[in-house]
Amino acid sequence: MISDVAAWLFALFVVGPLQAEMRERFDGANAPVEQIQQSQQCIASHGPRLLQRASEEPGWAVATAVGVAVGWTSPVQLLDGRDPNCSTLVRLFQNEADEEGEA
């Protein structure tokens, strides 16, 4: 029961916002279709793994969801940058974070 609630909170505060932010950033960046497809594949492959971990480790799930919700943690840090499908998404988020830091 607790693990289901933790996984639900994780999906609500981490996976859902990550998908929404990904769509928003790609819409604004006029990214090539290939990059969008790779990023969607990244979320499709890593999302279920993260949700499984969230259900197995409720403490981690709640702490991570809170960290993402308040801005302590970027959801992109949860993705594997070595995965070719995720590298584009990770670079996009890091480039925008770097630009925001310079502003």
PDB file of N, CA and C in Angstrom:
ATOM      1  N   MET A   1       0.823  -1.189   0.000  1.00  0.00           N
ATOM      2  CA  MET A   1       0.000   0.000   0.000  1.00  0.00           C
ATOM      3  C   MET A   1       0.870   1.255   0.000  1.00  0.00           C
ATOM      4  N   ILE A   2       1.824   1.334   0.912  1.00  0.00           N
ATOM      5  CA  ILE A   2       2.706   2.503   0.979  1.00  0.00           C
ATOM      6  C   ILE A   2       3.531   2.603  -0.301  1.00  0.00           C
ATOM      7  N   SER A   3       3.971   1.479  -0.813  1.00  0.00           N
ATOM      8  CA  SER A   3       4.772   1.518  -2.034  1.00  0.00           C
ATOM      9  C   SER A   3       3.942   2.007  -3.216  1.00  0.00           C
ATOM     10  N   ASP A   4       2.658   1.671  -3.260  1.00  0.00           N
ATOM     11  CA  ASP A   4       1.790   2.154  -4.334  1.00  0.00           C
ATOM     12  C   ASP A   4       1.607   3.666  -4.255  1.00  0.00           C
ATOM     13  N   VAL A   5       1.432   4.180  -3.048  1.00  0.00           N
ATOM     14  CA  VAL A   5       1.278   5.620  -2.853  1.00  0.00           C
ATOM     15  C   VAL A   5       2.572   6.336  -3.230  1.00  0.00           C
ATOM     16  N   ALA A   6       3.706   5.788  -2.835  1.00  0.00           N
ATOM     17  CA  ALA A   6       4.999   6.396  -3.163  1.00  0.00           C
ATOM     18  C   ALA A   6       5.206   6.412  -4.676  1.00  0.00           C
ATOM     19  N   ALA A   7       4.863   5.320  -5.353  1.00  0.00           N
ATOM     20  CA  ALA A   7       5.005   5.264  -6.811  1.00  0.00           C
ATOM     21  C   ALA A   7       4.066   6.266  -7.477  1.00  0.00           C
ATOM     22  N   TRP A   8       2.855   6.410  -6.934  1.00  0.00           N
ATOM     23  CA  TRP A   8       1.907   7.370  -7.486  1.00  0.00           C
ATOM     24  C   TRP A   8       2.428   8.802  -7.314  1.00  0.00           C
ATOM     25  N   LEU A   9       2.946   9.127  -6.126  1.00  0.00           N
ATOM     26  CA  LEU A   9       3.516  10.455  -5.891  1.00  0.00           C
ATOM     27  C   LEU A   9       4.696  10.716  -6.827  1.00  0.00           C
ATOM     28  N   PHE A  10       5.508   9.697  -7.012  1.00  0.00           N
ATOM     29  CA  PHE A  10       6.666   9.812  -7.889  1.00  0.00           C
ATOM     30  C   PHE A  10       6.217  10.103  -9.319  1.00  0.00           C
ATOM     31  N   ALA A  11       5.228   9.372  -9.783  1.00  0.00           N
ATOM     32  CA  ALA A  11       4.719   9.591 -11.137  1.00  0.00           C
ATOM     33  C   ALA A  11       4.115  10.986 -11.261  1.00  0.00           C
ATOM     34  N   LEU A  12       3.406  11.408 -10.247  1.00  0.00           N
ATOM     35  CA  LEU A  12       2.739  12.705 -10.264  1.00  0.00           C
ATOM     36  C   LEU A  12       3.736  13.866 -10.256  1.00  0.00           C
ATOM     37  N   PHE A  13       4.757  13.783  -9.420  1.00  0.00           N
ATOM     38  CA  PHE A  13       5.680  14.899  -9.234  1.00  0.00           C
ATOM     39  C   PHE A  13       6.976  14.805 -10.037  1.00  0.00           C
ATOM     40  N   VAL A  14       7.267  13.632 -10.606  1.00  0.00           N
ATOM     41  CA  VAL A  14       8.533  13.488 -11.329  1.00  0.00           C
ATOM     42  C   VAL A  14       8.298  13.131 -12.800  1.00  0.00           C
ATOM     43  N   VAL A  15       7.687  11.995 -13.051  1.00  0.00           N
ATOM     44  CA  VAL A  15       7.563  11.514 -14.428  1.00  0.00           C
ATOM     45  C   VAL A  15       6.638  12.413 -15.250  1.00  0.00           C
ATOM     46  N   GLY A  16       5.489  12.745 -14.711  1.00  0.00           N
ATOM     47  CA  GLY A  16       4.550  13.599 -15.441  1.00  0.00           C
ATOM     48  C   GLY A  16       5.138  14.960 -15.792  1.00  0.00           C
ATOM     49  N   PRO A  17       5.685  15.682 -14.808  1.00  0.00           N
ATOM     50  CA  PRO A  17       6.295  16.981 -15.126  1.00  0.00           C
ATOM     51  C   PRO A  17       7.482  16.876 -16.088  1.00  0.00           C
ATOM     52  N   LEU A  18       8.245  15.786 -15.988  1.00  0.00           N
ATOM     53  CA  LEU A  18       9.371  15.609 -16.907  1.00  0.00           C
ATOM     54  C   LEU A  18       8.861  15.498 -18.340  1.00  0.00           C
ATOM     55  N   GLN A  19       7.806  14.724 -18.544  1.00  0.00           N
ATOM     56  CA  GLN A  19       7.242  14.594 -19.885  1.00  0.00           C
ATOM     57  C   GLN A  19       6.688  15.927 -20.389  1.00  0.00           C
ATOM     58  N   ALA A  20       6.004  16.649 -19.537  1.00  0.00           N
ATOM     59  CA  ALA A  20       5.436  17.939 -19.927  1.00  0.00           C
ATOM     60  C   ALA A  20       6.534  18.953 -20.255  1.00  0.00           C
ATOM     61  N   GLU A  21       7.561  18.990 -19.432  1.00  0.00           N
ATOM     62  CA  GLU A  21       8.651  19.930 -19.665  1.00  0.00           C
ATOM     63  C   GLU A  21       9.411  19.574 -20.935  1.00  0.00           C
ATOM     64  N   MET A  22       9.563  18.275 -21.191  1.00  0.00           N
ATOM     65  CA  MET A  22      10.230  17.831 -22.405  1.00  0.00           C
ATOM     66  C   MET A  22       9.454  18.334 -23.621  1.00  0.00           C
ATOM     67  N   ARG A  23       8.132  18.156 -23.630  1.00  0.00           N
ATOM     68  CA  ARG A  23       7.315  18.617 -24.759  1.00  0.00           C
ATOM     69  C   ARG A  23       7.431  20.135 -24.923  1.00  0.00           C
ATOM     70  N   GLU A  24       7.384  20.845 -23.818  1.00  0.00           N
ATOM     71  CA  GLU A  24       7.458  22.310 -23.857  1.00  0.00           C
ATOM     72  C   GLU A  24       8.791  22.783 -24.431  1.00  0.00           C
ATOM     73  N   ARG A  25       9.854  22.184 -23.994  1.00  0.00           N
ATOM     74  CA  ARG A  25      11.180  22.614 -24.461  1.00  0.00           C
ATOM     75  C   ARG A  25      11.400  22.274 -25.923  1.00  0.00           C
ATOM     76  N   PHE A  26      10.911  21.106 -26.339  1.00  0.00           N
ATOM     77  CA  PHE A  26      11.082  20.752 -27.745  1.00  0.00           C
ATOM     78  C   PHE A  26      10.202  21.599 -28.639  1.00  0.00           C
ATOM     79  N   ASP A  27       9.032  21.967 -28.170  1.00  0.00           N
ATOM     80  CA  ASP A  27       8.167  22.851 -28.960  1.00  0.00           C
ATOM     81  C   ASP A  27       8.837  24.200 -29.164  1.00  0.00           C
ATOM     82  N   GLY A  28       9.463  24.715 -28.123  1.00  0.00           N
ATOM     83  CA  GLY A  28      10.118  26.019 -28.209  1.00  0.00           C
ATOM     84  C   GLY A  28      11.438  25.982 -28.967  1.00  0.00           C
ATOM     85  N   ALA A  29      12.057  24.828 -29.041  1.00  0.00           N
ATOM     86  CA  ALA A  29      13.375  24.727 -29.662  1.00  0.00           C
ATOM     87  C   ALA A  29      13.309  24.356 -31.143  1.00  0.00           C
ATOM     88  N   ASN A  30      12.130  24.017 -31.646  1.00  0.00           N
ATOM     89  CA  ASN A  30      11.997  23.553 -33.033  1.00  0.00           C
ATOM     90  C   ASN A  30      13.001  22.440 -33.314  1.00  0.00           C
ATOM     91  N   ALA A  31      13.033  21.454 -32.441  1.00  0.00           N
ATOM     92  CA  ALA A  31      13.990  20.360 -32.527  1.00  0.00           C
ATOM     93  C   ALA A  31      13.642  19.414 -33.674  1.00  0.00           C
ATOM     94  N   PRO A  32      14.659  18.765 -34.220  1.00  0.00           N
ATOM     95  CA  PRO A  32      14.413  17.771 -35.259  1.00  0.00           C
ATOM     96  C   PRO A  32      13.569  16.608 -34.719  1.00  0.00           C
ATOM     97  N   VAL A  33      12.814  16.000 -35.594  1.00  0.00           N
ATOM     98  CA  VAL A  33      11.924  14.897 -35.220  1.00  0.00           C
ATOM     99  C   VAL A  33      12.716  13.759 -34.584  1.00  0.00           C
ATOM    100  N   GLU A  34      13.908  13.498 -35.077  1.00  0.00           N
ATOM    101  CA  GLU A  34      14.733  12.407 -34.541  1.00  0.00           C
ATOM    102  C   GLU A  34      15.037  12.621 -33.054  1.00  0.00           C
ATOM    103  N   GLN A  35      15.368  13.856 -32.679  1.00  0.00           N
ATOM    104  CA  GLN A  35      15.665  14.153 -31.278  1.00  0.00           C
ATOM    105  C   GLN A  35      14.422  13.985 -30.407  1.00  0.00           C
ATOM    106  N   ILE A  36      13.295  14.377 -30.921  1.00  0.00           N
ATOM    107  CA  ILE A  36      12.049  14.225 -30.172  1.00  0.00           C
ATOM    108  C   ILE A  36      11.736  12.752 -29.974  1.00  0.00           C
ATOM    109  N   GLN A  37      11.900  11.958 -31.017  1.00  0.00           N
ATOM    110  CA  GLN A  37      11.636  10.525 -30.915  1.00  0.00           C
ATOM    111  C   GLN A  37      12.596   9.851 -29.945  1.00  0.00           C
ATOM    112  N   GLN A  38      13.874  10.222 -29.992  1.00  0.00           N
ATOM    113  CA  GLN A  38      14.849   9.648 -29.064  1.00  0.00           C
ATOM    114  C   GLN A  38      14.475   9.978 -27.623  1.00  0.00           C
ATOM    115  N   SER A  39      14.077  11.202 -27.377  1.00  0.00           N
ATOM    116  CA  SER A  39      13.708  11.612 -26.025  1.00  0.00           C
ATOM    117  C   SER A  39      12.458  10.891 -25.554  1.00  0.00           C
ATOM    118  N   GLN A  40      11.507  10.693 -26.440  1.00  0.00           N
ATOM    119  CA  GLN A  40      10.305   9.934 -26.082  1.00  0.00           C
ATOM    120  C   GLN A  40      10.656   8.488 -25.751  1.00  0.00           C
ATOM    121  N   GLN A  41      11.593   7.914 -26.506  1.00  0.00           N
ATOM    122  CA  GLN A  41      12.039   6.550 -26.225  1.00  0.00           C
ATOM    123  C   GLN A  41      12.757   6.480 -24.882  1.00  0.00           C
ATOM    124  N   CYS A  42      13.501   7.521 -24.552  1.00  0.00           N
ATOM    125  CA  CYS A  42      14.190   7.582 -23.262  1.00  0.00           C
ATOM    126  C   CYS A  42      13.176   7.520 -22.126  1.00  0.00           C
ATOM    127  N   ILE A  43      12.152   8.373 -22.197  1.00  0.00           N
ATOM    128  CA  ILE A  43      11.124   8.399 -21.152  1.00  0.00           C
ATOM    129  C   ILE A  43      10.381   7.075 -21.122  1.00  0.00           C
ATOM    130  N   ALA A  44      10.108   6.516 -22.303  1.00  0.00           N
ATOM    131  CA  ALA A  44       9.381   5.243 -22.361  1.00  0.00           C
ATOM    132  C   ALA A  44      10.177   4.098 -21.746  1.00  0.00           C
ATOM    133  N   SER A  45      11.497   4.141 -21.866  1.00  0.00           N
ATOM    134  CA  SER A  45      12.300   3.052 -21.300  1.00  0.00           C
ATOM    135  C   SER A  45      12.678   3.295 -19.840  1.00  0.00           C
ATOM    136  N   HIS A  46      12.980   4.538 -19.487  1.00  0.00           N
ATOM    137  CA  HIS A  46      13.417   4.823 -18.116  1.00  0.00           C
ATOM    138  C   HIS A  46      12.256   5.071 -17.164  1.00  0.00           C
ATOM    139  N   GLY A  47      11.146   5.559 -17.666  1.00  0.00           N
ATOM    140  CA  GLY A  47       9.983   5.814 -16.815  1.00  0.00           C
ATOM    141  C   GLY A  47       9.535   4.588 -16.028  1.00  0.00           C
ATOM    142  N   PRO A  48       9.308   3.461 -16.705  1.00  0.00           N
ATOM    143  CA  PRO A  48       8.891   2.256 -15.967  1.00  0.00           C
ATOM    144  C   PRO A  48       9.938   1.781 -14.948  1.00  0.00           C
ATOM    145  N   ARG A  49      11.212   1.929 -15.281  1.00  0.00           N
ATOM    146  CA  ARG A  49      12.267   1.533 -14.329  1.00  0.00           C
ATOM    147  C   ARG A  49      12.233   2.416 -13.091  1.00  0.00           C
ATOM    148  N   LEU A  50      12.050   3.709 -13.313  1.00  0.00           N
ATOM    149  CA  LEU A  50      11.980   4.629 -12.182  1.00  0.00           C
ATOM    150  C   LEU A  50      10.739   4.353 -11.338  1.00  0.00           C
ATOM    151  N   LEU A  51       9.627   4.064 -11.987  1.00  0.00           N
ATOM    152  CA  LEU A  51       8.405   3.746 -11.237  1.00  0.00           C
ATOM    153  C   LEU A  51       8.555   2.448 -10.450  1.00  0.00           C
ATOM    154  N   GLN A  52       9.242   1.476 -11.032  1.00  0.00           N
ATOM    155  CA  GLN A  52       9.490   0.226 -10.303  1.00  0.00           C
ATOM    156  C   GLN A  52      10.347   0.495  -9.082  1.00  0.00           C
ATOM    157  N   ARG A  53      11.395   1.292  -9.249  1.00  0.00           N
ATOM    158  CA  ARG A  53      12.246   1.629  -8.109  1.00  0.00           C
ATOM    159  C   ARG A  53      11.441   2.382  -7.049  1.00  0.00           C
ATOM    160  N   ALA A  54      10.568   3.275  -7.505  1.00  0.00           N
ATOM    161  CA  ALA A  54       9.743   4.037  -6.571  1.00  0.00           C
ATOM    162  C   ALA A  54       8.833   3.124  -5.762  1.00  0.00           C
ATOM    163  N   SER A  55       8.304   2.080  -6.390  1.00  0.00           N
ATOM    164  CA  SER A  55       7.434   1.169  -5.650  1.00  0.00           C
ATOM    165  C   SER A  55       8.229   0.258  -4.724  1.00  0.00           C
ATOM    166  N   GLU A  56       9.479  -0.032  -5.071  1.00  0.00           N
ATOM    167  CA  GLU A  56      10.322  -0.890  -4.234  1.00  0.00           C
ATOM    168  C   GLU A  56      11.006  -0.114  -3.108  1.00  0.00           C
ATOM    169  N   GLU A  57      11.234   1.186  -3.329  1.00  0.00           N
ATOM    170  CA  GLU A  57      11.918   2.027  -2.347  1.00  0.00           C
ATOM    171  C   GLU A  57      11.085   3.283  -2.075  1.00  0.00           C
ATOM    172  N   PRO A  58      10.029   3.148  -1.273  1.00  0.00           N
ATOM    173  CA  PRO A  58       9.134   4.291  -1.033  1.00  0.00           C
ATOM    174  C   PRO A  58       9.846   5.518  -0.460  1.00  0.00           C
ATOM    175  N   GLY A  59      10.825   5.327   0.389  1.00  0.00           N
ATOM    176  CA  GLY A  59      11.562   6.457   0.960  1.00  0.00           C
ATOM    177  C   GLY A  59      12.277   7.250  -0.112  1.00  0.00           C
ATOM    178  N   TRP A  60      12.933   6.535  -1.018  1.00  0.00           N
ATOM    179  CA  TRP A  60      13.611   7.187  -2.137  1.00  0.00           C
ATOM    180  C   TRP A  60      12.603   7.925  -3.012  1.00  0.00           C
ATOM    181  N   ALA A  61      11.479   7.293  -3.260  1.00  0.00           N
ATOM    182  CA  ALA A  61      10.461   7.888  -4.126  1.00  0.00           C
ATOM    183  C   ALA A  61       9.935   9.202  -3.556  1.00  0.00           C
ATOM    184  N   VAL A  62       9.608   9.203  -2.276  1.00  0.00           N
ATOM    185  CA  VAL A  62       9.066  10.407  -1.649  1.00  0.00           C
ATOM    186  C   VAL A  62      10.139  11.502  -1.601  1.00  0.00           C
ATOM    187  N   ALA A  63      11.346  11.141  -1.201  1.00  0.00           N
ATOM    188  CA  ALA A  63      12.431  12.125  -1.130  1.00  0.00           C
ATOM    189  C   ALA A  63      12.725  12.721  -2.510  1.00  0.00           C
ATOM    190  N   THR A  64      12.739  11.887  -3.521  1.00  0.00           N
ATOM    191  CA  THR A  64      13.007  12.360  -4.883  1.00  0.00           C
ATOM    192  C   THR A  64      11.869  13.236  -5.383  1.00  0.00           C
ATOM    193  N   ALA A  65      10.631  12.822  -5.139  1.00  0.00           N
ATOM    194  CA  ALA A  65       9.472  13.612  -5.572  1.00  0.00           C
ATOM    195  C   ALA A  65       9.474  14.987  -4.909  1.00  0.00           C
ATOM    196  N   VAL A  66       9.780  15.031  -3.624  1.00  0.00           N
ATOM    197  CA  VAL A  66       9.847  16.315  -2.919  1.00  0.00           C
ATOM    198  C   VAL A  66      10.989  17.156  -3.476  1.00  0.00           C
ATOM    199  N   GLY A  67      12.144  16.535  -3.695  1.00  0.00           N
ATOM    200  CA  GLY A  67      13.294  17.251  -4.244  1.00  0.00           C
ATOM    201  C   GLY A  67      13.007  17.863  -5.600  1.00  0.00           C
ATOM    202  N   VAL A  68      12.313  17.129  -6.452  1.00  0.00           N
ATOM    203  CA  VAL A  68      11.962  17.644  -7.775  1.00  0.00           C
ATOM    204  C   VAL A  68      10.907  18.738  -7.647  1.00  0.00           C
ATOM    205  N   ALA A  69       9.913  18.516  -6.785  1.00  0.00           N
ATOM    206  CA  ALA A  69       8.811  19.478  -6.638  1.00  0.00           C
ATOM    207  C   ALA A  69       9.295  20.834  -6.138  1.00  0.00           C
ATOM    208  N   VAL A  70      10.278  20.851  -5.262  1.00  0.00           N
ATOM    209  CA  VAL A  70      10.762  22.128  -4.716  1.00  0.00           C
ATOM    210  C   VAL A  70      11.987  22.662  -5.464  1.00  0.00           C
ATOM    211  N   GLY A  71      12.467  21.919  -6.446  1.00  0.00           N
ATOM    212  CA  GLY A  71      13.568  22.400  -7.264  1.00  0.00           C
ATOM    213  C   GLY A  71      14.957  22.035  -6.797  1.00  0.00           C
ATOM    214  N   TRP A  72      15.067  21.175  -5.812  1.00  0.00           N
ATOM    215  CA  TRP A  72      16.387  20.749  -5.343  1.00  0.00           C
ATOM    216  C   TRP A  72      17.041  19.784  -6.322  1.00  0.00           C
ATOM    217  N   THR A  73      16.228  19.041  -7.027  1.00  0.00           N
ATOM    218  CA  THR A  73      16.712  18.011  -7.935  1.00  0.00           C
ATOM    219  C   THR A  73      16.060  18.196  -9.288  1.00  0.00           C
ATOM    220  N   SER A  74      16.841  18.078 -10.334  1.00  0.00           N
ATOM    221  CA  SER A  74      16.283  18.096 -11.684  1.00  0.00           C
ATOM    222  C   SER A  74      15.881  16.668 -12.045  1.00  0.00           C
ATOM    223  N   PRO A  75      14.704  16.480 -12.618  1.00  0.00           N
ATOM    224  CA  PRO A  75      14.311  15.128 -12.999  1.00  0.00           C
ATOM    225  C   PRO A  75      15.255  14.517 -14.024  1.00  0.00           C
ATOM    226  N   VAL A  76      15.974  15.355 -14.749  1.00  0.00           N
ATOM    227  CA  VAL A  76      16.915  14.848 -15.741  1.00  0.00           C
ATOM    228  C   VAL A  76      18.061  14.088 -15.088  1.00  0.00           C
ATOM    229  N   GLN A  77      18.360  14.427 -13.832  1.00  0.00           N
ATOM    230  CA  GLN A  77      19.427  13.710 -13.117  1.00  0.00           C
ATOM    231  C   GLN A  77      19.080  12.238 -12.922  1.00  0.00           C
ATOM    232  N   LEU A  78      17.821  11.890 -13.061  1.00  0.00           N
ATOM    233  CA  LEU A  78      17.389  10.512 -12.886  1.00  0.00           C
ATOM    234  C   LEU A  78      17.566   9.682 -14.149  1.00  0.00           C
ATOM    235  N   LEU A  79      17.852  10.333 -15.261  1.00  0.00           N
ATOM    236  CA  LEU A  79      18.008   9.640 -16.535  1.00  0.00           C
ATOM    237  C   LEU A  79      19.472   9.275 -16.768  1.00  0.00           C
ATOM    238  N   ASP A  80      19.686   8.228 -17.535  1.00  0.00           N
ATOM    239  CA  ASP A  80      21.034   7.771 -17.847  1.00  0.00           C
ATOM    240  C   ASP A  80      21.538   8.512 -19.081  1.00  0.00           C
ATOM    241  N   GLY A  81      22.445   9.450 -18.872  1.00  0.00           N
ATOM    242  CA  GLY A  81      23.005  10.238 -19.970  1.00  0.00           C
ATOM    243  C   GLY A  81      23.835   9.419 -20.935  1.00  0.00           C
ATOM    244  N   ARG A  82      24.222   8.219 -20.531  1.00  0.00           N
ATOM    245  CA  ARG A  82      24.995   7.341 -21.422  1.00  0.00           C
ATOM    246  C   ARG A  82      24.103   6.637 -22.427  1.00  0.00           C
ATOM    247  N   ASP A  83      22.797   6.586 -22.143  1.00  0.00           N
ATOM    248  CA  ASP A  83      21.835   5.996 -23.074  1.00  0.00           C
ATOM    249  C   ASP A  83      21.698   6.948 -24.253  1.00  0.00           C
ATOM    250  N   PRO A  84      21.958   6.484 -25.477  1.00  0.00           N
ATOM    251  CA  PRO A  84      21.884   7.377 -26.635  1.00  0.00           C
ATOM    252  C   PRO A  84      20.520   8.062 -26.781  1.00  0.00           C
ATOM    253  N   ASN A  85      19.464   7.395 -26.371  1.00  0.00           N
ATOM    254  CA  ASN A  85      18.140   7.997 -26.469  1.00  0.00           C
ATOM    255  C   ASN A  85      17.948   9.101 -25.437  1.00  0.00           C
ATOM    256  N   CYS A  86      18.664   9.028 -24.335  1.00  0.00           N
ATOM    257  CA  CYS A  86      18.526  10.027 -23.274  1.00  0.00           C
ATOM    258  C   CYS A  86      19.523  11.172 -23.399  1.00  0.00           C
ATOM    259  N   SER A  87      20.602  10.958 -24.113  1.00  0.00           N
ATOM    260  CA  SER A  87      21.660  11.973 -24.160  1.00  0.00           C
ATOM    261  C   SER A  87      21.155  13.289 -24.746  1.00  0.00           C
ATOM    262  N   THR A  88      20.300  13.228 -25.740  1.00  0.00           N
ATOM    263  CA  THR A  88      19.753  14.455 -26.330  1.00  0.00           C
ATOM    264  C   THR A  88      18.926  15.222 -25.314  1.00  0.00           C
ATOM    265  N   LEU A  89      18.090  14.504 -24.593  1.00  0.00           N
ATOM    266  CA  LEU A  89      17.233  15.125 -23.593  1.00  0.00           C
ATOM    267  C   LEU A  89      18.061  15.721 -22.460  1.00  0.00           C
ATOM    268  N   VAL A  90      19.060  14.996 -22.012  1.00  0.00           N
ATOM    269  CA  VAL A  90      19.925  15.486 -20.939  1.00  0.00           C
ATOM    270  C   VAL A  90      20.655  16.748 -21.391  1.00  0.00           C
ATOM    271  N   ARG A  91      21.183  16.732 -22.613  1.00  0.00           N
ATOM    272  CA  ARG A  91      21.892  17.922 -23.137  1.00  0.00           C
ATOM    273  C   ARG A  91      20.949  19.123 -23.236  1.00  0.00           C
ATOM    274  N   LEU A  92      19.730  18.900 -23.697  1.00  0.00           N
ATOM    275  CA  LEU A  92      18.775  19.993 -23.824  1.00  0.00           C
ATOM    276  C   LEU A  92      18.511  20.641 -22.471  1.00  0.00           C
ATOM    277  N   PHE A  93      18.275  19.831 -21.453  1.00  0.00           N
ATOM    278  CA  PHE A  93      18.006  20.369 -20.124  1.00  0.00           C
ATOM    279  C   PHE A  93      19.241  21.037 -19.540  1.00  0.00           C
ATOM    280  N   GLN A  94      20.432  20.467 -19.766  1.00  0.00           N
ATOM    281  CA  GLN A  94      21.651  21.068 -19.231  1.00  0.00           C
ATOM    282  C   GLN A  94      21.955  22.383 -19.923  1.00  0.00           C
ATOM    283  N   ASN A  95      21.764  22.462 -21.233  1.00  0.00           N
ATOM    284  CA  ASN A  95      22.009  23.709 -21.965  1.00  0.00           C
ATOM    285  C   ASN A  95      21.084  24.803 -21.478  1.00  0.00           C
ATOM    286  N   GLU A  96      19.828  24.483 -21.269  1.00  0.00           N
ATOM    287  CA  GLU A  96      18.894  25.509 -20.795  1.00  0.00           C
ATOM    288  C   GLU A  96      19.200  25.907 -19.357  1.00  0.00           C
ATOM    289  N   ALA A  97      19.650  24.973 -18.542  1.00  0.00           N
ATOM    290  CA  ALA A  97      20.024  25.300 -17.166  1.00  0.00           C
ATOM    291  C   ALA A  97      21.242  26.216 -17.160  1.00  0.00           C
ATOM    292  N   ASP A  98      22.195  25.938 -18.048  1.00  0.00           N
ATOM    293  CA  ASP A  98      23.385  26.783 -18.156  1.00  0.00           C
ATOM    294  C   ASP A  98      23.000  28.190 -18.607  1.00  0.00           C
ATOM    295  N   GLU A  99      22.083  28.287 -19.573  1.00  0.00           N
ATOM    296  CA  GLU A  99      21.644  29.599 -20.056  1.00  0.00           C
ATOM    297  C   GLU A  99      20.923  30.382 -18.959  1.00  0.00           C
ATOM    298  N   GLU A 100      20.128  29.686 -18.149  1.00  0.00           N
ATOM    299  CA  GLU A 100      19.419  30.354 -17.059  1.00  0.00           C
ATOM    300  C   GLU A 100      20.401  30.844 -16.003  1.00  0.00           C
ATOM    301  N   GLY A 101      21.477  30.090 -15.788  1.00  0.00           N
ATOM    302  CA  GLY A 101      22.489  30.487 -14.813  1.00  0.00           C
ATOM    303  C   GLY A 101      23.249  31.728 -15.242  1.00  0.00           C
ATOM    304  N   GLU A 102      23.402  31.906 -16.550  1.00  0.00           N
ATOM    305  CA  GLU A 102      24.124  33.058 -17.078  1.00  0.00           C
ATOM    306  C   GLU A 102      23.263  34.308 -17.071  1.00  0.00           C
ATOM    307  N   ALA A 103      21.953  34.138 -17.125  1.00  0.00           N
ATOM    308  CA  ALA A 103      21.052  35.300 -17.222  1.00  0.00           C
ATOM    309  C   ALA A 103      20.974  36.087 -15.942  1.00  0.00           C
TER     310      ALA A 103
END
